Amino acid sequence: MPELTTDVERLSLVIEIGGMPVRVNTTDPGFVTMLQDRYAGYVLEANASEPGNAEIEFDVDLVVPTGGPDEDVRVTRSPDCWTVTRGDFHAEWSPSTRRGRIRQSFAVADSSSHGHGANLQSLRF
């Protein structure tokens, strides 16, 4: 039986604050729009999203909420991995590769989502 695969477009933008450019990769256009709005003035031009133009890179996956943002944050460190966890997110970052992955929850769509498919206004990135 042939294997079924679907190509998913990866969207990227670079946010630079304090001289530190950080690339954020996701597949959710609404999340990108929310970041562009929230960090207006700090988002670099489109060509800055090319490889090599960021000091740190995060892949962000949006997931259905399993906990709340009021839970305590837990931070752990192993020799090459920082882990930050709270009810609404889980993040891992490797200082040696300067790459990380974030699983961030989002709420079900409502009228304040501006047509982006999910209420991303509660996300803090």
C-alpha atoms as a PDB file:
ATOM      1  CA  MET A   1       0.000   0.000   0.000  1.00  0.00           C
ATOM      2  CA  PRO A   2       1.492   3.404  -0.921  1.00  0.00           C
ATOM      3  CA  GLU A   3       2.370   5.804   1.873  1.00  0.00           C
ATOM      4  CA  LEU A   4       0.238   8.945   2.069  1.00  0.00           C
ATOM      5  CA  THR A   5       2.021  12.184   2.820  1.00  0.00           C
ATOM      6  CA  THR A   6       0.969  15.802   2.790  1.00  0.00           C
ATOM      7  CA  ASP A   7       3.336  18.708   2.385  1.00  0.00           C
ATOM      8  CA  VAL A   8       2.624  21.408   4.934  1.00  0.00           C
ATOM      9  CA  GLU A   9       3.883  24.907   4.286  1.00  0.00           C
ATOM     10  CA  ARG A  10       6.335  26.105   6.912  1.00  0.00           C
ATOM     11  CA  LEU A  11       5.995  29.792   7.682  1.00  0.00           C
ATOM     12  CA  SER A  12       8.835  31.748   9.271  1.00  0.00           C
ATOM     13  CA  LEU A  13       9.504  35.196  10.605  1.00  0.00           C
ATOM     14  CA  VAL A  14      12.378  36.763  12.499  1.00  0.00           C
ATOM     15  CA  ILE A  15      11.761  38.921  15.552  1.00  0.00           C
ATOM     16  CA  GLU A  16      14.731  40.971  16.770  1.00  0.00           C
ATOM     17  CA  ILE A  17      14.660  42.435  20.262  1.00  0.00           C
ATOM     18  CA  GLY A  18      17.744  43.787  21.998  1.00  0.00           C
ATOM     19  CA  GLY A  19      19.951  42.880  19.050  1.00  0.00           C
ATOM     20  CA  MET A  20      18.978  39.188  19.263  1.00  0.00           C
ATOM     21  CA  PRO A  21      17.215  37.930  16.104  1.00  0.00           C
ATOM     22  CA  VAL A  22      14.995  34.905  16.788  1.00  0.00           C
ATOM     23  CA  ARG A  23      13.392  32.902  13.977  1.00  0.00           C
ATOM     24  CA  VAL A  24       9.942  31.448  14.658  1.00  0.00           C
ATOM     25  CA  ASN A  25       8.740  28.627  12.395  1.00  0.00           C
ATOM     26  CA  THR A  26       5.146  27.409  12.342  1.00  0.00           C
ATOM     27  CA  THR A  27       2.508  26.064   9.986  1.00  0.00           C
ATOM     28  CA  ASP A  28      -0.261  28.336  11.291  1.00  0.00           C
ATOM     29  CA  PRO A  29      -0.767  31.581   9.328  1.00  0.00           C
ATOM     30  CA  GLY A  30      -2.943  33.016  12.119  1.00  0.00           C
ATOM     31  CA  PHE A  31      -0.118  32.571  14.603  1.00  0.00           C
ATOM     32  CA  VAL A  32       2.282  34.374  12.246  1.00  0.00           C
ATOM     33  CA  THR A  33      -0.201  37.237  11.877  1.00  0.00           C
ATOM     34  CA  MET A  34      -0.598  37.460  15.665  1.00  0.00           C
ATOM     35  CA  LEU A  35       3.202  37.616  16.083  1.00  0.00           C
ATOM     36  CA  GLN A  36       3.501  40.287  13.378  1.00  0.00           C
ATOM     37  CA  ASP A  37       0.853  42.374  15.148  1.00  0.00           C
ATOM     38  CA  ARG A  38       2.207  41.834  18.660  1.00  0.00           C
ATOM     39  CA  TYR A  39       5.838  42.495  17.715  1.00  0.00           C
ATOM     40  CA  ALA A  40       5.263  45.260  15.144  1.00  0.00           C
ATOM     41  CA  GLY A  41       8.486  47.210  14.760  1.00  0.00           C
ATOM     42  CA  TYR A  42      10.584  44.192  15.792  1.00  0.00           C
ATOM     43  CA  VAL A  43       9.766  41.854  12.888  1.00  0.00           C
ATOM     44  CA  LEU A  44      12.559  41.912  10.318  1.00  0.00           C
ATOM     45  CA  GLU A  45      11.964  42.142   6.571  1.00  0.00           C
ATOM     46  CA  ALA A  46      10.999  39.013   4.641  1.00  0.00           C
ATOM     47  CA  ASN A  47      14.541  38.313   3.385  1.00  0.00           C
ATOM     48  CA  ALA A  48      15.719  38.186   7.010  1.00  0.00           C
ATOM     49  CA  SER A  49      13.819  34.910   7.349  1.00  0.00           C
ATOM     50  CA  GLU A  50      16.435  33.231   5.161  1.00  0.00           C
ATOM     51  CA  PRO A  51      18.718  30.691   6.881  1.00  0.00           C
ATOM     52  CA  GLY A  52      21.611  32.268   8.748  1.00  0.00           C
ATOM     53  CA  ASN A  53      19.777  35.482   9.668  1.00  0.00           C
ATOM     54  CA  ALA A  54      18.790  34.460  13.200  1.00  0.00           C
ATOM     55  CA  GLU A  55      20.798  33.671  16.323  1.00  0.00           C
ATOM     56  CA  ILE A  56      18.125  31.339  17.741  1.00  0.00           C
ATOM     57  CA  GLU A  57      15.408  29.314  16.014  1.00  0.00           C
ATOM     58  CA  PHE A  58      12.179  27.853  17.408  1.00  0.00           C
ATOM     59  CA  ASP A  59       9.705  25.508  15.749  1.00  0.00           C
ATOM     60  CA  VAL A  60       6.268  26.237  17.234  1.00  0.00           C
ATOM     61  CA  ASP A  61       3.460  23.677  17.216  1.00  0.00           C
ATOM     62  CA  LEU A  62       0.025  24.844  18.322  1.00  0.00           C
ATOM     63  CA  VAL A  63      -2.007  22.275  20.235  1.00  0.00           C
ATOM     64  CA  VAL A  64      -5.351  21.990  22.009  1.00  0.00           C
ATOM     65  CA  PRO A  65      -5.111  23.241  25.635  1.00  0.00           C
ATOM     66  CA  THR A  66      -4.416  20.623  28.287  1.00  0.00           C
ATOM     67  CA  GLY A  67      -3.654  22.910  31.222  1.00  0.00           C
ATOM     68  CA  GLY A  68      -3.813  26.530  32.214  1.00  0.00           C
ATOM     69  CA  PRO A  69      -1.454  29.498  32.118  1.00  0.00           C
ATOM     70  CA  ASP A  70      -1.867  29.924  35.881  1.00  0.00           C
ATOM     71  CA  GLU A  71       0.065  26.737  36.643  1.00  0.00           C
ATOM     72  CA  ASP A  72       3.593  27.104  38.006  1.00  0.00           C
ATOM     73  CA  VAL A  73       6.441  27.205  35.496  1.00  0.00           C
ATOM     74  CA  ARG A  74       8.973  24.390  35.786  1.00  0.00           C
ATOM     75  CA  VAL A  75      12.482  24.840  34.382  1.00  0.00           C
ATOM     76  CA  THR A  76      14.989  22.003  34.142  1.00  0.00           C
ATOM     77  CA  ARG A  77      18.383  21.713  32.515  1.00  0.00           C
ATOM     78  CA  SER A  78      20.388  18.763  31.313  1.00  0.00           C
ATOM     79  CA  PRO A  79      23.858  19.023  29.775  1.00  0.00           C
ATOM     80  CA  ASP A  80      22.503  20.288  26.427  1.00  0.00           C
ATOM     81  CA  CYS A  81      18.807  20.977  26.871  1.00  0.00           C
ATOM     82  CA  TRP A  82      16.752  23.523  28.751  1.00  0.00           C
ATOM     83  CA  THR A  83      13.118  22.529  29.324  1.00  0.00           C
ATOM     84  CA  VAL A  84      10.397  24.972  30.347  1.00  0.00           C
ATOM     85  CA  THR A  85       6.920  23.640  31.104  1.00  0.00           C
ATOM     86  CA  ARG A  86       3.655  25.134  32.263  1.00  0.00           C
ATOM     87  CA  GLY A  87       0.088  23.925  31.785  1.00  0.00           C
ATOM     88  CA  ASP A  88      -0.292  25.667  28.432  1.00  0.00           C
ATOM     89  CA  PHE A  89       3.154  25.099  26.921  1.00  0.00           C
ATOM     90  CA  HIS A  90       6.235  22.921  26.766  1.00  0.00           C
ATOM     91  CA  ALA A  91       9.511  24.240  25.368  1.00  0.00           C
ATOM     92  CA  GLU A  92      12.909  22.675  24.821  1.00  0.00           C
ATOM     93  CA  TRP A  93      16.017  24.568  23.757  1.00  0.00           C
ATOM     94  CA  SER A  94      19.542  23.399  23.000  1.00  0.00           C
ATOM     95  CA  PRO A  95      22.190  26.070  23.645  1.00  0.00           C
ATOM     96  CA  SER A  96      24.757  24.239  21.485  1.00  0.00           C
ATOM     97  CA  THR A  97      22.535  24.150  18.368  1.00  0.00           C
ATOM     98  CA  ARG A  98      20.618  27.344  19.276  1.00  0.00           C
ATOM     99  CA  ARG A  99      17.417  25.577  18.222  1.00  0.00           C
ATOM    100  CA  GLY A 100      14.297  24.690  20.120  1.00  0.00           C
ATOM    101  CA  ARG A 101      10.741  23.433  19.888  1.00  0.00           C
ATOM    102  CA  ILE A 102       7.696  24.957  21.554  1.00  0.00           C
ATOM    103  CA  ARG A 103       4.314  23.274  21.943  1.00  0.00           C
ATOM    104  CA  GLN A 104       1.896  26.096  22.754  1.00  0.00           C
ATOM    105  CA  SER A 105      -1.800  25.606  23.446  1.00  0.00           C
ATOM    106  CA  PHE A 106      -4.467  27.816  21.970  1.00  0.00           C
ATOM    107  CA  ALA A 107      -8.145  28.379  22.691  1.00  0.00           C
ATOM    108  CA  VAL A 108     -11.046  27.481  20.423  1.00  0.00           C
ATOM    109  CA  ALA A 109     -11.934  30.148  17.845  1.00  0.00           C
ATOM    110  CA  ASP A 110     -14.115  33.031  18.971  1.00  0.00           C
ATOM    111  CA  SER A 111     -15.143  36.466  17.710  1.00  0.00           C
ATOM    112  CA  SER A 112     -11.898  38.083  18.917  1.00  0.00           C
ATOM    113  CA  SER A 113      -9.732  35.867  16.721  1.00  0.00           C
ATOM    114  CA  HIS A 114      -9.998  38.256  13.768  1.00  0.00           C
ATOM    115  CA  GLY A 115     -10.684  35.327  11.458  1.00  0.00           C
ATOM    116  CA  HIS A 116      -7.400  33.594  12.236  1.00  0.00           C
ATOM    117  CA  GLY A 117      -9.024  30.304  13.206  1.00  0.00           C
ATOM    118  CA  ALA A 118      -8.001  30.394  16.858  1.00  0.00           C
ATOM    119  CA  ASN A 119      -8.004  32.901  19.673  1.00  0.00           C
ATOM    120  CA  LEU A 120      -4.274  33.487  19.830  1.00  0.00           C
ATOM    121  CA  GLN A 121      -4.504  36.690  21.817  1.00  0.00           C
ATOM    122  CA  SER A 122      -3.876  34.806  25.060  1.00  0.00           C
ATOM    123  CA  LEU A 123      -0.536  33.417  23.847  1.00  0.00           C
ATOM    124  CA  ARG A 124       2.593  34.949  25.315  1.00  0.00           C
ATOM    125  CA  PHE A 125       5.667  34.234  23.297  1.00  0.00           C
END
